[in-house]
Amino acid sequence: MGILNKILGKEKTEIKKESKKANDDANRERMRTPSPAKTSIVDKIRSQKEQSAKEAPKGKAEHAAQKAAQKSAQKLAQKTVKRR
């Protein structure tokens, strides 16, 4: 039994070494690949301006209708809260 354990023990350590080597290689590869560069604030603002330029401009009537809908929704929510 002692000899068998020695042989099996060596196999286990070899397997551990192989898996550790594979993990180290994977970590090294991750470190090698550059992470995407962080976008600067100027780039973010520029992209926001482009997005807003793409959207169709709303007229005053549309804005007023949207505000009225929001107000009515708020009033309805307040009434339901008061009822409870």
PDB file of N, CA and C in Angstrom:
ATOM      1  N   MET A   1       0.813  -1.206   0.000  1.00  0.00           N
ATOM      2  CA  MET A   1       0.000   0.000   0.000  1.00  0.00           C
ATOM      3  C   MET A   1       0.853   1.265   0.000  1.00  0.00           C
ATOM      4  N   GLY A   2       1.970   1.220   0.709  1.00  0.00           N
ATOM      5  CA  GLY A   2       2.831   2.389   0.778  1.00  0.00           C
ATOM      6  C   GLY A   2       3.369   2.784  -0.582  1.00  0.00           C
ATOM      7  N   ILE A   3       3.754   1.779  -1.384  1.00  0.00           N
ATOM      8  CA  ILE A   3       4.293   2.041  -2.720  1.00  0.00           C
ATOM      9  C   ILE A   3       3.206   2.619  -3.618  1.00  0.00           C
ATOM     10  N   LEU A   4       2.013   2.045  -3.508  1.00  0.00           N
ATOM     11  CA  LEU A   4       0.894   2.515  -4.322  1.00  0.00           C
ATOM     12  C   LEU A   4       0.559   3.972  -3.990  1.00  0.00           C
ATOM     13  N   ASN A   5       0.563   4.303  -2.700  1.00  0.00           N
ATOM     14  CA  ASN A   5       0.292   5.683  -2.285  1.00  0.00           C
ATOM     15  C   ASN A   5       1.357   6.631  -2.814  1.00  0.00           C
ATOM     16  N   LYS A   6       2.628   6.187  -2.809  1.00  0.00           N
ATOM     17  CA  LYS A   6       3.697   7.041  -3.326  1.00  0.00           C
ATOM     18  C   LYS A   6       3.487   7.322  -4.806  1.00  0.00           C
ATOM     19  N   ILE A   7       3.129   6.276  -5.551  1.00  0.00           N
ATOM     20  CA  ILE A   7       2.914   6.447  -6.990  1.00  0.00           C
ATOM     21  C   ILE A   7       1.709   7.351  -7.239  1.00  0.00           C
ATOM     22  N   LEU A   8       0.606   7.072  -6.544  1.00  0.00           N
ATOM     23  CA  LEU A   8      -0.597   7.888  -6.714  1.00  0.00           C
ATOM     24  C   LEU A   8      -0.366   9.308  -6.223  1.00  0.00           C
ATOM     25  N   GLY A   9       0.392   9.449  -5.144  1.00  0.00           N
ATOM     26  CA  GLY A   9       0.697  10.774  -4.613  1.00  0.00           C
ATOM     27  C   GLY A   9       1.474  11.602  -5.615  1.00  0.00           C
ATOM     28  N   LYS A  10       2.441  10.957  -6.310  1.00  0.00           N
ATOM     29  CA  LYS A  10       3.211  11.673  -7.326  1.00  0.00           C
ATOM     30  C   LYS A  10       2.310  12.102  -8.475  1.00  0.00           C
ATOM     31  N   GLU A  11       1.380  11.230  -8.865  1.00  0.00           N
ATOM     32  CA  GLU A  11       0.460  11.593  -9.941  1.00  0.00           C
ATOM     33  C   GLU A  11      -0.395  12.787  -9.542  1.00  0.00           C
ATOM     34  N   LYS A  12      -0.854  12.790  -8.291  1.00  0.00           N
ATOM     35  CA  LYS A  12      -1.683  13.897  -7.823  1.00  0.00           C
ATOM     36  C   LYS A  12      -0.906  15.204  -7.863  1.00  0.00           C
ATOM     37  N   THR A  13       0.362  15.176  -7.403  1.00  0.00           N
ATOM     38  CA  THR A  13       1.138  16.415  -7.410  1.00  0.00           C
ATOM     39  C   THR A  13       1.421  16.865  -8.832  1.00  0.00           C
ATOM     40  N   GLU A  14       1.655  15.910  -9.750  1.00  0.00           N
ATOM     41  CA  GLU A  14       1.883  16.289 -11.142  1.00  0.00           C
ATOM     42  C   GLU A  14       0.640  16.937 -11.735  1.00  0.00           C
ATOM     43  N   ILE A  15      -0.518  16.380 -11.407  1.00  0.00           N
ATOM     44  CA  ILE A  15      -1.773  16.951 -11.904  1.00  0.00           C
ATOM     45  C   ILE A  15      -1.956  18.355 -11.343  1.00  0.00           C
ATOM     46  N   LYS A  16      -1.646  18.540 -10.052  1.00  0.00           N
ATOM     47  CA  LYS A  16      -1.769  19.864  -9.442  1.00  0.00           C
ATOM     48  C   LYS A  16      -0.840  20.849 -10.131  1.00  0.00           C
ATOM     49  N   LYS A  17       0.401  20.410 -10.401  1.00  0.00           N
ATOM     50  CA  LYS A  17       1.360  21.297 -11.062  1.00  0.00           C
ATOM     51  C   LYS A  17       0.875  21.680 -12.452  1.00  0.00           C
ATOM     52  N   GLU A  18       0.315  20.701 -13.172  1.00  0.00           N
ATOM     53  CA  GLU A  18      -0.181  20.988 -14.514  1.00  0.00           C
ATOM     54  C   GLU A  18      -1.330  21.988 -14.476  1.00  0.00           C
ATOM     55  N   SER A  19      -2.265  21.795 -13.546  1.00  0.00           N
ATOM     56  CA  SER A  19      -3.404  22.710 -13.482  1.00  0.00           C
ATOM     57  C   SER A  19      -2.952  24.093 -13.030  1.00  0.00           C
ATOM     58  N   LYS A  20      -1.975  24.143 -12.113  1.00  0.00           N
ATOM     59  CA  LYS A  20      -1.456  25.441 -11.664  1.00  0.00           C
ATOM     60  C   LYS A  20      -0.767  26.147 -12.823  1.00  0.00           C
ATOM     61  N   LYS A  21      -0.019  25.377 -13.629  1.00  0.00           N
ATOM     62  CA  LYS A  21       0.660  25.958 -14.782  1.00  0.00           C
ATOM     63  C   LYS A  21      -0.364  26.499 -15.776  1.00  0.00           C
ATOM     64  N   ALA A  22      -1.447  25.757 -15.991  1.00  0.00           N
ATOM     65  CA  ALA A  22      -2.492  26.209 -16.910  1.00  0.00           C
ATOM     66  C   ALA A  22      -3.134  27.496 -16.402  1.00  0.00           C
ATOM     67  N   ASN A  23      -3.385  27.568 -15.093  1.00  0.00           N
ATOM     68  CA  ASN A  23      -3.965  28.782 -14.508  1.00  0.00           C
ATOM     69  C   ASN A  23      -3.016  29.961 -14.660  1.00  0.00           C
ATOM     70  N   ASP A  24      -1.720  29.715 -14.401  1.00  0.00           N
ATOM     71  CA  ASP A  24      -0.736  30.788 -14.537  1.00  0.00           C
ATOM     72  C   ASP A  24      -0.660  31.280 -15.981  1.00  0.00           C
ATOM     73  N   ASP A  25      -0.690  30.335 -16.930  1.00  0.00           N
ATOM     74  CA  ASP A  25      -0.654  30.718 -18.340  1.00  0.00           C
ATOM     75  C   ASP A  25      -1.875  31.560 -18.708  1.00  0.00           C
ATOM     76  N   ALA A  26      -3.035  31.165 -18.204  1.00  0.00           N
ATOM     77  CA  ALA A  26      -4.262  31.912 -18.497  1.00  0.00           C
ATOM     78  C   ALA A  26      -4.186  33.317 -17.902  1.00  0.00           C
ATOM     79  N   ASN A  27      -3.681  33.420 -16.676  1.00  0.00           N
ATOM     80  CA  ASN A  27      -3.544  34.731 -16.041  1.00  0.00           C
ATOM     81  C   ASN A  27      -2.564  35.602 -16.813  1.00  0.00           C
ATOM     82  N   ARG A  28      -1.459  35.008 -17.262  1.00  0.00           N
ATOM     83  CA  ARG A  28      -0.465  35.757 -18.020  1.00  0.00           C
ATOM     84  C   ARG A  28      -1.069  36.274 -19.319  1.00  0.00           C
ATOM     85  N   GLU A  29      -1.861  35.443 -19.955  1.00  0.00           N
ATOM     86  CA  GLU A  29      -2.500  35.836 -21.209  1.00  0.00           C
ATOM     87  C   GLU A  29      -3.484  36.986 -20.978  1.00  0.00           C
ATOM     88  N   ARG A  30      -4.218  36.923 -19.874  1.00  0.00           N
ATOM     89  CA  ARG A  30      -5.162  38.001 -19.539  1.00  0.00           C
ATOM     90  C   ARG A  30      -4.426  39.309 -19.309  1.00  0.00           C
ATOM     91  N   MET A  31      -3.278  39.217 -18.653  1.00  0.00           N
ATOM     92  CA  MET A  31      -2.510  40.433 -18.375  1.00  0.00           C
ATOM     93  C   MET A  31      -1.939  41.018 -19.663  1.00  0.00           C
ATOM     94  N   ARG A  32      -1.628  40.148 -20.624  1.00  0.00           N
ATOM     95  CA  ARG A  32      -1.039  40.599 -21.874  1.00  0.00           C
ATOM     96  C   ARG A  32      -2.033  41.357 -22.733  1.00  0.00           C
ATOM     97  N   THR A  33      -3.275  40.924 -22.733  1.00  0.00           N
ATOM     98  CA  THR A  33      -4.266  41.573 -23.584  1.00  0.00           C
ATOM     99  C   THR A  33      -4.642  42.919 -22.974  1.00  0.00           C
ATOM    100  N   PRO A  34      -4.570  43.981 -23.751  1.00  0.00           N
ATOM    101  CA  PRO A  34      -4.871  45.308 -23.209  1.00  0.00           C
ATOM    102  C   PRO A  34      -6.364  45.467 -22.957  1.00  0.00           C
ATOM    103  N   SER A  35      -6.683  46.121 -21.865  1.00  0.00           N
ATOM    104  CA  SER A  35      -8.088  46.393 -21.570  1.00  0.00           C
ATOM    105  C   SER A  35      -8.534  47.570 -22.433  1.00  0.00           C
ATOM    106  N   PRO A  36      -9.804  47.659 -22.761  1.00  0.00           N
ATOM    107  CA  PRO A  36     -10.257  48.773 -23.591  1.00  0.00           C
ATOM    108  C   PRO A  36     -10.017  50.097 -22.874  1.00  0.00           C
ATOM    109  N   ALA A  37      -9.547  51.060 -23.626  1.00  0.00           N
ATOM    110  CA  ALA A  37      -9.216  52.358 -23.043  1.00  0.00           C
ATOM    111  C   ALA A  37     -10.475  53.033 -22.520  1.00  0.00           C
ATOM    112  N   LYS A  38     -10.336  53.684 -21.389  1.00  0.00           N
ATOM    113  CA  LYS A  38     -11.481  54.385 -20.819  1.00  0.00           C
ATOM    114  C   LYS A  38     -11.799  55.593 -21.691  1.00  0.00           C
ATOM    115  N   THR A  39     -13.073  55.806 -21.928  1.00  0.00           N
ATOM    116  CA  THR A  39     -13.461  56.937 -22.752  1.00  0.00           C
ATOM    117  C   THR A  39     -13.355  58.208 -21.926  1.00  0.00           C
ATOM    118  N   SER A  40     -12.849  59.216 -22.549  1.00  0.00           N
ATOM    119  CA  SER A  40     -12.684  60.475 -21.837  1.00  0.00           C
ATOM    120  C   SER A  40     -14.029  61.182 -21.721  1.00  0.00           C
ATOM    121  N   ILE A  41     -14.078  62.161 -20.863  1.00  0.00           N
ATOM    122  CA  ILE A  41     -15.308  62.923 -20.640  1.00  0.00           C
ATOM    123  C   ILE A  41     -15.716  63.651 -21.916  1.00  0.00           C
ATOM    124  N   VAL A  42     -14.720  64.152 -22.652  1.00  0.00           N
ATOM    125  CA  VAL A  42     -15.009  64.872 -23.888  1.00  0.00           C
ATOM    126  C   VAL A  42     -15.694  63.942 -24.889  1.00  0.00           C
ATOM    127  N   ASP A  43     -15.196  62.709 -24.984  1.00  0.00           N
ATOM    128  CA  ASP A  43     -15.810  61.744 -25.902  1.00  0.00           C
ATOM    129  C   ASP A  43     -17.240  61.430 -25.488  1.00  0.00           C
ATOM    130  N   LYS A  44     -17.472  61.310 -24.174  1.00  0.00           N
ATOM    131  CA  LYS A  44     -18.822  61.024 -23.693  1.00  0.00           C
ATOM    132  C   LYS A  44     -19.772  62.156 -24.052  1.00  0.00           C
ATOM    133  N   ILE A  45     -19.331  63.387 -23.836  1.00  0.00           N
ATOM    134  CA  ILE A  45     -20.174  64.545 -24.139  1.00  0.00           C
ATOM    135  C   ILE A  45     -20.453  64.605 -25.637  1.00  0.00           C
ATOM    136  N   ARG A  46     -19.423  64.339 -26.427  1.00  0.00           N
ATOM    137  CA  ARG A  46     -19.583  64.370 -27.881  1.00  0.00           C
ATOM    138  C   ARG A  46     -20.609  63.325 -28.331  1.00  0.00           C
ATOM    139  N   SER A  47     -20.533  62.137 -27.758  1.00  0.00           N
ATOM    140  CA  SER A  47     -21.482  61.088 -28.148  1.00  0.00           C
ATOM    141  C   SER A  47     -22.900  61.449 -27.707  1.00  0.00           C
ATOM    142  N   GLN A  48     -23.027  62.094 -26.533  1.00  0.00           N
ATOM    143  CA  GLN A  48     -24.353  62.522 -26.076  1.00  0.00           C
ATOM    144  C   GLN A  48     -24.934  63.571 -27.017  1.00  0.00           C
ATOM    145  N   LYS A  49     -24.090  64.504 -27.471  1.00  0.00           N
ATOM    146  CA  LYS A  49     -24.560  65.533 -28.395  1.00  0.00           C
ATOM    147  C   LYS A  49     -25.004  64.909 -29.713  1.00  0.00           C
ATOM    148  N   GLU A  50     -24.241  63.918 -30.181  1.00  0.00           N
ATOM    149  CA  GLU A  50     -24.616  63.242 -31.420  1.00  0.00           C
ATOM    150  C   GLU A  50     -25.948  62.520 -31.261  1.00  0.00           C
ATOM    151  N   GLN A  51     -26.153  61.893 -30.112  1.00  0.00           N
ATOM    152  CA  GLN A  51     -27.410  61.182 -29.857  1.00  0.00           C
ATOM    153  C   GLN A  51     -28.578  62.160 -29.860  1.00  0.00           C
ATOM    154  N   SER A  52     -28.392  63.297 -29.183  1.00  0.00           N
ATOM    155  CA  SER A  52     -29.483  64.265 -29.111  1.00  0.00           C
ATOM    156  C   SER A  52     -29.738  64.894 -30.477  1.00  0.00           C
ATOM    157  N   ALA A  53     -28.701  65.025 -31.289  1.00  0.00           N
ATOM    158  CA  ALA A  53     -28.888  65.584 -32.625  1.00  0.00           C
ATOM    159  C   ALA A  53     -29.664  64.616 -33.510  1.00  0.00           C
ATOM    160  N   LYS A  54     -29.500  63.330 -33.278  1.00  0.00           N
ATOM    161  CA  LYS A  54     -30.204  62.330 -34.078  1.00  0.00           C
ATOM    162  C   LYS A  54     -31.699  62.331 -33.783  1.00  0.00           C
ATOM    163  N   GLU A  55     -32.076  62.632 -32.542  1.00  0.00           N
ATOM    164  CA  GLU A  55     -33.487  62.636 -32.168  1.00  0.00           C
ATOM    165  C   GLU A  55     -34.201  63.801 -32.849  1.00  0.00           C
ATOM    166  N   ALA A  56     -35.429  63.582 -33.219  1.00  0.00           N
ATOM    167  CA  ALA A  56     -36.207  64.630 -33.868  1.00  0.00           C
ATOM    168  C   ALA A  56     -36.554  65.704 -32.839  1.00  0.00           C
ATOM    169  N   PRO A  57     -36.412  66.968 -33.199  1.00  0.00           N
ATOM    170  CA  PRO A  57     -36.738  68.027 -32.242  1.00  0.00           C
ATOM    171  C   PRO A  57     -38.240  68.060 -31.962  1.00  0.00           C
ATOM    172  N   LYS A  58     -38.577  68.231 -30.700  1.00  0.00           N
ATOM    173  CA  LYS A  58     -39.991  68.258 -30.319  1.00  0.00           C
ATOM    174  C   LYS A  58     -40.488  69.695 -30.341  1.00  0.00           C
ATOM    175  N   GLY A  59     -41.717  69.829 -30.711  1.00  0.00           N
ATOM    176  CA  GLY A  59     -42.325  71.142 -30.724  1.00  0.00           C
ATOM    177  C   GLY A  59     -42.828  71.512 -29.342  1.00  0.00           C
ATOM    178  N   LYS A  60     -43.208  72.771 -29.177  1.00  0.00           N
ATOM    179  CA  LYS A  60     -43.698  73.243 -27.876  1.00  0.00           C
ATOM    180  C   LYS A  60     -44.967  72.507 -27.466  1.00  0.00           C
ATOM    181  N   ALA A  61     -45.812  72.209 -28.422  1.00  0.00           N
ATOM    182  CA  ALA A  61     -47.067  71.525 -28.112  1.00  0.00           C
ATOM    183  C   ALA A  61     -46.792  70.121 -27.571  1.00  0.00           C
ATOM    184  N   GLU A  62     -45.812  69.450 -28.151  1.00  0.00           N
ATOM    185  CA  GLU A  62     -45.481  68.109 -27.673  1.00  0.00           C
ATOM    186  C   GLU A  62     -44.938  68.156 -26.252  1.00  0.00           C
ATOM    187  N   HIS A  63     -44.097  69.164 -25.984  1.00  0.00           N
ATOM    188  CA  HIS A  63     -43.563  69.312 -24.626  1.00  0.00           C
ATOM    189  C   HIS A  63     -44.684  69.580 -23.630  1.00  0.00           C
ATOM    190  N   ALA A  64     -45.609  70.460 -23.999  1.00  0.00           N
ATOM    191  CA  ALA A  64     -46.720  70.788 -23.106  1.00  0.00           C
ATOM    192  C   ALA A  64     -47.589  69.557 -22.860  1.00  0.00           C
ATOM    193  N   ALA A  65     -47.847  68.785 -23.885  1.00  0.00           N
ATOM    194  CA  ALA A  65     -48.663  67.580 -23.729  1.00  0.00           C
ATOM    195  C   ALA A  65     -47.960  66.569 -22.825  1.00  0.00           C
ATOM    196  N   GLN A  66     -46.661  66.470 -22.988  1.00  0.00           N
ATOM    197  CA  GLN A  66     -45.904  65.530 -22.157  1.00  0.00           C
ATOM    198  C   GLN A  66     -45.933  65.966 -20.692  1.00  0.00           C
ATOM    199  N   LYS A  67     -45.753  67.260 -20.443  1.00  0.00           N
ATOM    200  CA  LYS A  67     -45.794  67.765 -19.066  1.00  0.00           C
ATOM    201  C   LYS A  67     -47.170  67.551 -18.449  1.00  0.00           C
ATOM    202  N   ALA A  68     -48.214  67.791 -19.219  1.00  0.00           N
ATOM    203  CA  ALA A  68     -49.574  67.605 -18.709  1.00  0.00           C
ATOM    204  C   ALA A  68     -49.810  66.141 -18.354  1.00  0.00           C
ATOM    205  N   ALA A  69     -49.323  65.250 -19.171  1.00  0.00           N
ATOM    206  CA  ALA A  69     -49.484  63.822 -18.890  1.00  0.00           C
ATOM    207  C   ALA A  69     -48.734  63.437 -17.617  1.00  0.00           C
ATOM    208  N   GLN A  70     -47.552  64.005 -17.434  1.00  0.00           N
ATOM    209  CA  GLN A  70     -46.781  63.719 -16.219  1.00  0.00           C
ATOM    210  C   GLN A  70     -47.501  64.238 -14.983  1.00  0.00           C
ATOM    211  N   LYS A  71     -48.038  65.456 -15.074  1.00  0.00           N
ATOM    212  CA  LYS A  71     -48.742  66.035 -13.929  1.00  0.00           C
ATOM    213  C   LYS A  71     -49.969  65.219 -13.566  1.00  0.00           C
ATOM    214  N   SER A  72     -50.716  64.793 -14.574  1.00  0.00           N
ATOM    215  CA  SER A  72     -51.920  64.011 -14.278  1.00  0.00           C
ATOM    216  C   SER A  72     -51.544  62.667 -13.662  1.00  0.00           C
ATOM    217  N   ALA A  73     -50.455  62.098 -14.107  1.00  0.00           N
ATOM    218  CA  ALA A  73     -50.001  60.829 -13.532  1.00  0.00           C
ATOM    219  C   ALA A  73     -49.578  61.024 -12.081  1.00  0.00           C
ATOM    220  N   GLN A  74     -48.915  62.152 -11.803  1.00  0.00           N
ATOM    221  CA  GLN A  74     -48.501  62.442 -10.426  1.00  0.00           C
ATOM    222  C   GLN A  74     -49.714  62.652  -9.528  1.00  0.00           C
ATOM    223  N   LYS A  75     -50.698  63.392 -10.007  1.00  0.00           N
ATOM    224  CA  LYS A  75     -51.901  63.638  -9.213  1.00  0.00           C
ATOM    225  C   LYS A  75     -52.633  62.337  -8.922  1.00  0.00           C
ATOM    226  N   LEU A  76     -52.726  61.483  -9.918  1.00  0.00           N
ATOM    227  CA  LEU A  76     -53.377  60.195  -9.739  1.00  0.00           C
ATOM    228  C   LEU A  76     -52.633  59.361  -8.705  1.00  0.00           C
ATOM    229  N   ALA A  77     -51.313  59.400  -8.752  1.00  0.00           N
ATOM    230  CA  ALA A  77     -50.508  58.643  -7.785  1.00  0.00           C
ATOM    231  C   ALA A  77     -50.714  59.191  -6.378  1.00  0.00           C
ATOM    232  N   GLN A  78     -50.798  60.521  -6.239  1.00  0.00           N
ATOM    233  CA  GLN A  78     -51.010  61.130  -4.923  1.00  0.00           C
ATOM    234  C   GLN A  78     -52.380  60.751  -4.373  1.00  0.00           C
ATOM    235  N   LYS A  79     -53.391  60.722  -5.235  1.00  0.00           N
ATOM    236  CA  LYS A  79     -54.733  60.354  -4.785  1.00  0.00           C
ATOM    237  C   LYS A  79     -54.766  58.923  -4.283  1.00  0.00           C
ATOM    238  N   THR A  80     -54.101  58.029  -5.002  1.00  0.00           N
ATOM    239  CA  THR A  80     -54.099  56.626  -4.572  1.00  0.00           C
ATOM    240  C   THR A  80     -53.358  56.467  -3.258  1.00  0.00           C
ATOM    241  N   VAL A  81     -52.319  57.265  -3.038  1.00  0.00           N
ATOM    242  CA  VAL A  81     -51.579  57.195  -1.776  1.00  0.00           C
ATOM    243  C   VAL A  81     -52.449  57.716  -0.640  1.00  0.00           C
ATOM    244  N   LYS A  82     -53.193  58.805  -0.882  1.00  0.00           N
ATOM    245  CA  LYS A  82     -54.055  59.380   0.153  1.00  0.00           C
ATOM    246  C   LYS A  82     -55.181  58.426   0.534  1.00  0.00           C
ATOM    247  N   ARG A  83     -55.706  57.684  -0.427  1.00  0.00           N
ATOM    248  CA  ARG A  83     -56.796  56.753  -0.155  1.00  0.00           C
ATOM    249  C   ARG A  83     -56.352  55.626   0.759  1.00  0.00           C
ATOM    250  N   ARG A  84     -55.113  55.240   0.665  1.00  0.00           N
ATOM    251  CA  ARG A  84     -54.618  54.147   1.507  1.00  0.00           C
ATOM    252  C   ARG A  84     -54.423  54.671   2.881  1.00  0.00           C
TER     253      ARG A  84
END
